[in-house]
Structures are given as structure tokens and as C-alpha cells.
Amino acid sequence: HPGSKKFYRDVISTNDDSLDAVDLDVVSVQDVLEFNTPTLTFNSKSELVQSFYMASNKTSTCIGIKYFGQTQVCFLCDKMDEQETITLSKQDKLIVVNY
């Protein structure tokens, strides 16, 4: 993608005051999503990503999940539309890009 070089440069660069800055954050699920039940369930990675994007007023994108008790991050970039149950608990963390 033609814009990918700028995107990756912005993600791995230190923060600045530029309006084009992209920040990568690790946030607690319970701090950014509202729970009416003990867990939140999504039917695909794309459903989670799109829901998070819309809930953030189009300012943040979720790119990964670190499930509580796991050491690896589950990145959401592969097979996004494949039907797959994704369940988040309040103890999980999200990898988020803010722009």
C-alpha cells in the first residue's frame, strides 16, 4: 500500500506534536469498552475492529489482543472476515493505534 511507509514510520517513531502522529498503546479492555456481562463476544476479527473504531469516534483502531494469562499477542490482521468467536474479558488488554 502506498501509504504504509508513513504509517509504519509514525507507529515506530517517538511521540511528537504533529497532527499526523500515530500512537501505539496497550490498554485494559475494561478501561475502553463497556461491559454489561462478564465478557464481550464478537463473531470475527473485523467485527471487533470495526466496533472498536466506531466506539472511539473513529480515532482508534484495535490491532491486537493480549489475553489475560497468555504471553503472546493475538494480532487481528489475518483472516479478519473469517467466522471466529472472539471473547474478551475485563482482564484482557488491547493493542490500539490512536491517530
C-alpha atoms as a PDB file:
ATOM      1  CA  HIS A   1       0.000   0.000   0.000  1.00  0.00           C
ATOM      2  CA  PRO A   2       1.432   3.408  -0.961  1.00  0.00           C
ATOM      3  CA  GLY A   3       0.788   4.958   2.485  1.00  0.00           C
ATOM      4  CA  SER A   4       2.219   2.080   4.509  1.00  0.00           C
ATOM      5  CA  LYS A   5       5.726   3.547   4.795  1.00  0.00           C
ATOM      6  CA  LYS A   6       4.397   6.687   6.507  1.00  0.00           C
ATOM      7  CA  PHE A   7       2.064   4.643   8.709  1.00  0.00           C
ATOM      8  CA  TYR A   8       4.841   2.369   9.985  1.00  0.00           C
ATOM      9  CA  ARG A   9       7.239   5.300  10.415  1.00  0.00           C
ATOM     10  CA  ASP A  10       4.617   7.101  12.523  1.00  0.00           C
ATOM     11  CA  VAL A  11       3.902   3.987  14.600  1.00  0.00           C
ATOM     12  CA  ILE A  12       7.537   3.280  15.479  1.00  0.00           C
ATOM     13  CA  SER A  13       8.602   6.922  15.931  1.00  0.00           C
ATOM     14  CA  THR A  14       8.558   8.681  19.275  1.00  0.00           C
ATOM     15  CA  ASN A  15       5.573  10.894  20.008  1.00  0.00           C
ATOM     16  CA  ASP A  16       5.617  14.430  18.721  1.00  0.00           C
ATOM     17  CA  ASP A  17       3.135  17.285  18.486  1.00  0.00           C
ATOM     18  CA  SER A  18       2.372  16.623  14.839  1.00  0.00           C
ATOM     19  CA  LEU A  19      -1.277  16.346  13.913  1.00  0.00           C
ATOM     20  CA  ASP A  20      -0.335  13.327  11.786  1.00  0.00           C
ATOM     21  CA  ALA A  21       1.138  11.437  14.745  1.00  0.00           C
ATOM     22  CA  VAL A  22       0.151   7.828  15.305  1.00  0.00           C
ATOM     23  CA  ASP A  23       0.420   6.413  18.826  1.00  0.00           C
ATOM     24  CA  LEU A  24       0.526   2.742  19.747  1.00  0.00           C
ATOM     25  CA  ASP A  25      -0.939   1.950  23.181  1.00  0.00           C
ATOM     26  CA  VAL A  26      -1.630  -1.121  25.284  1.00  0.00           C
ATOM     27  CA  VAL A  27      -4.868  -0.560  27.192  1.00  0.00           C
ATOM     28  CA  SER A  28      -7.011  -2.577  29.553  1.00  0.00           C
ATOM     29  CA  VAL A  29     -10.225  -3.772  27.918  1.00  0.00           C
ATOM     30  CA  GLN A  30     -12.272  -2.640  30.908  1.00  0.00           C
ATOM     31  CA  ASP A  31     -10.921   0.914  30.520  1.00  0.00           C
ATOM     32  CA  VAL A  32     -12.107   1.312  26.919  1.00  0.00           C
ATOM     33  CA  LEU A  33     -15.149  -0.942  26.479  1.00  0.00           C
ATOM     34  CA  GLU A  34     -18.398  -1.105  28.412  1.00  0.00           C
ATOM     35  CA  PHE A  35     -19.348  -4.466  29.904  1.00  0.00           C
ATOM     36  CA  ASN A  36     -22.977  -5.395  30.620  1.00  0.00           C
ATOM     37  CA  THR A  37     -21.990  -9.050  31.011  1.00  0.00           C
ATOM     38  CA  PRO A  38     -18.799 -10.707  32.312  1.00  0.00           C
ATOM     39  CA  THR A  39     -17.417 -10.977  28.750  1.00  0.00           C
ATOM     40  CA  LEU A  40     -17.851  -9.385  25.322  1.00  0.00           C
ATOM     41  CA  THR A  41     -18.149 -11.631  22.284  1.00  0.00           C
ATOM     42  CA  PHE A  42     -17.523 -10.816  18.623  1.00  0.00           C
ATOM     43  CA  ASN A  43     -18.135 -13.078  15.610  1.00  0.00           C
ATOM     44  CA  SER A  44     -14.955 -12.144  13.720  1.00  0.00           C
ATOM     45  CA  LYS A  45     -11.819 -10.046  13.988  1.00  0.00           C
ATOM     46  CA  SER A  46     -13.300  -7.480  11.614  1.00  0.00           C
ATOM     47  CA  GLU A  47     -16.406  -7.145  13.802  1.00  0.00           C
ATOM     48  CA  LEU A  48     -14.198  -6.355  16.824  1.00  0.00           C
ATOM     49  CA  VAL A  49     -12.001  -3.916  14.866  1.00  0.00           C
ATOM     50  CA  GLN A  50     -14.950  -2.094  13.322  1.00  0.00           C
ATOM     51  CA  SER A  51     -16.891  -1.937  16.608  1.00  0.00           C
ATOM     52  CA  PHE A  52     -13.867  -0.547  18.434  1.00  0.00           C
ATOM     53  CA  TYR A  53     -13.205   2.002  15.678  1.00  0.00           C
ATOM     54  CA  MET A  54     -16.778   3.275  15.747  1.00  0.00           C
ATOM     55  CA  ALA A  55     -16.879   3.317  19.578  1.00  0.00           C
ATOM     56  CA  SER A  56     -13.746   5.505  19.601  1.00  0.00           C
ATOM     57  CA  ASN A  57     -15.378   8.088  17.306  1.00  0.00           C
ATOM     58  CA  LYS A  58     -13.080   6.911  14.507  1.00  0.00           C
ATOM     59  CA  THR A  59      -9.892   7.898  16.357  1.00  0.00           C
ATOM     60  CA  SER A  60      -8.529   4.470  17.349  1.00  0.00           C
ATOM     61  CA  THR A  61      -8.118   1.043  15.811  1.00  0.00           C
ATOM     62  CA  CYS A  62      -7.585  -2.191  17.699  1.00  0.00           C
ATOM     63  CA  ILE A  63      -4.808  -4.247  16.089  1.00  0.00           C
ATOM     64  CA  GLY A  64      -4.242  -6.939  18.703  1.00  0.00           C
ATOM     65  CA  ILE A  65      -5.338  -8.663  21.904  1.00  0.00           C
ATOM     66  CA  LYS A  66      -3.251  -9.854  24.823  1.00  0.00           C
ATOM     67  CA  TYR A  67      -5.464 -12.312  26.640  1.00  0.00           C
ATOM     68  CA  PHE A  68      -5.096 -12.458  30.420  1.00  0.00           C
ATOM     69  CA  GLY A  69      -2.616 -15.159  31.415  1.00  0.00           C
ATOM     70  CA  GLN A  70      -1.193 -15.507  27.887  1.00  0.00           C
ATOM     71  CA  THR A  71       2.294 -14.414  26.854  1.00  0.00           C
ATOM     72  CA  GLN A  72       1.638 -13.931  23.126  1.00  0.00           C
ATOM     73  CA  VAL A  73      -0.330 -11.167  21.433  1.00  0.00           C
ATOM     74  CA  CYS A  74      -3.070 -12.206  19.021  1.00  0.00           C
ATOM     75  CA  PHE A  75      -2.826  -9.768  16.101  1.00  0.00           C
ATOM     76  CA  LEU A  76      -6.017  -9.071  14.187  1.00  0.00           C
ATOM     77  CA  CYS A  77      -4.529  -8.641  10.711  1.00  0.00           C
ATOM     78  CA  ASP A  78      -5.055 -12.110   9.243  1.00  0.00           C
ATOM     79  CA  LYS A  79      -8.309 -13.707   8.070  1.00  0.00           C
ATOM     80  CA  MET A  80     -10.297 -10.822   9.501  1.00  0.00           C
ATOM     81  CA  ASP A  81     -13.660 -11.778   7.960  1.00  0.00           C
ATOM     82  CA  GLU A  82     -13.437 -15.463   8.851  1.00  0.00           C
ATOM     83  CA  GLN A  83     -16.159 -16.514  11.293  1.00  0.00           C
ATOM     84  CA  GLU A  84     -14.431 -16.923  14.647  1.00  0.00           C
ATOM     85  CA  THR A  85     -15.695 -16.326  18.171  1.00  0.00           C
ATOM     86  CA  ILE A  86     -13.591 -13.724  19.945  1.00  0.00           C
ATOM     87  CA  THR A  87     -14.327 -13.342  23.638  1.00  0.00           C
ATOM     88  CA  LEU A  88     -12.870 -10.519  25.696  1.00  0.00           C
ATOM     89  CA  SER A  89     -12.782 -10.338  29.484  1.00  0.00           C
ATOM     90  CA  LYS A  90     -12.156  -7.271  31.624  1.00  0.00           C
ATOM     91  CA  GLN A  91      -8.631  -8.526  32.417  1.00  0.00           C
ATOM     92  CA  ASP A  92      -7.528  -8.685  28.760  1.00  0.00           C
ATOM     93  CA  LYS A  93      -5.508  -5.929  27.088  1.00  0.00           C
ATOM     94  CA  LEU A  94      -5.845  -4.419  23.632  1.00  0.00           C
ATOM     95  CA  ILE A  95      -3.114  -3.157  21.331  1.00  0.00           C
ATOM     96  CA  VAL A  96      -4.512   0.084  19.963  1.00  0.00           C
ATOM     97  CA  VAL A  97      -3.402   2.563  17.322  1.00  0.00           C
ATOM     98  CA  ASN A  98      -4.547   6.138  18.032  1.00  0.00           C
ATOM     99  CA  TYR A  99      -4.420   8.745  15.286  1.00  0.00           C
END
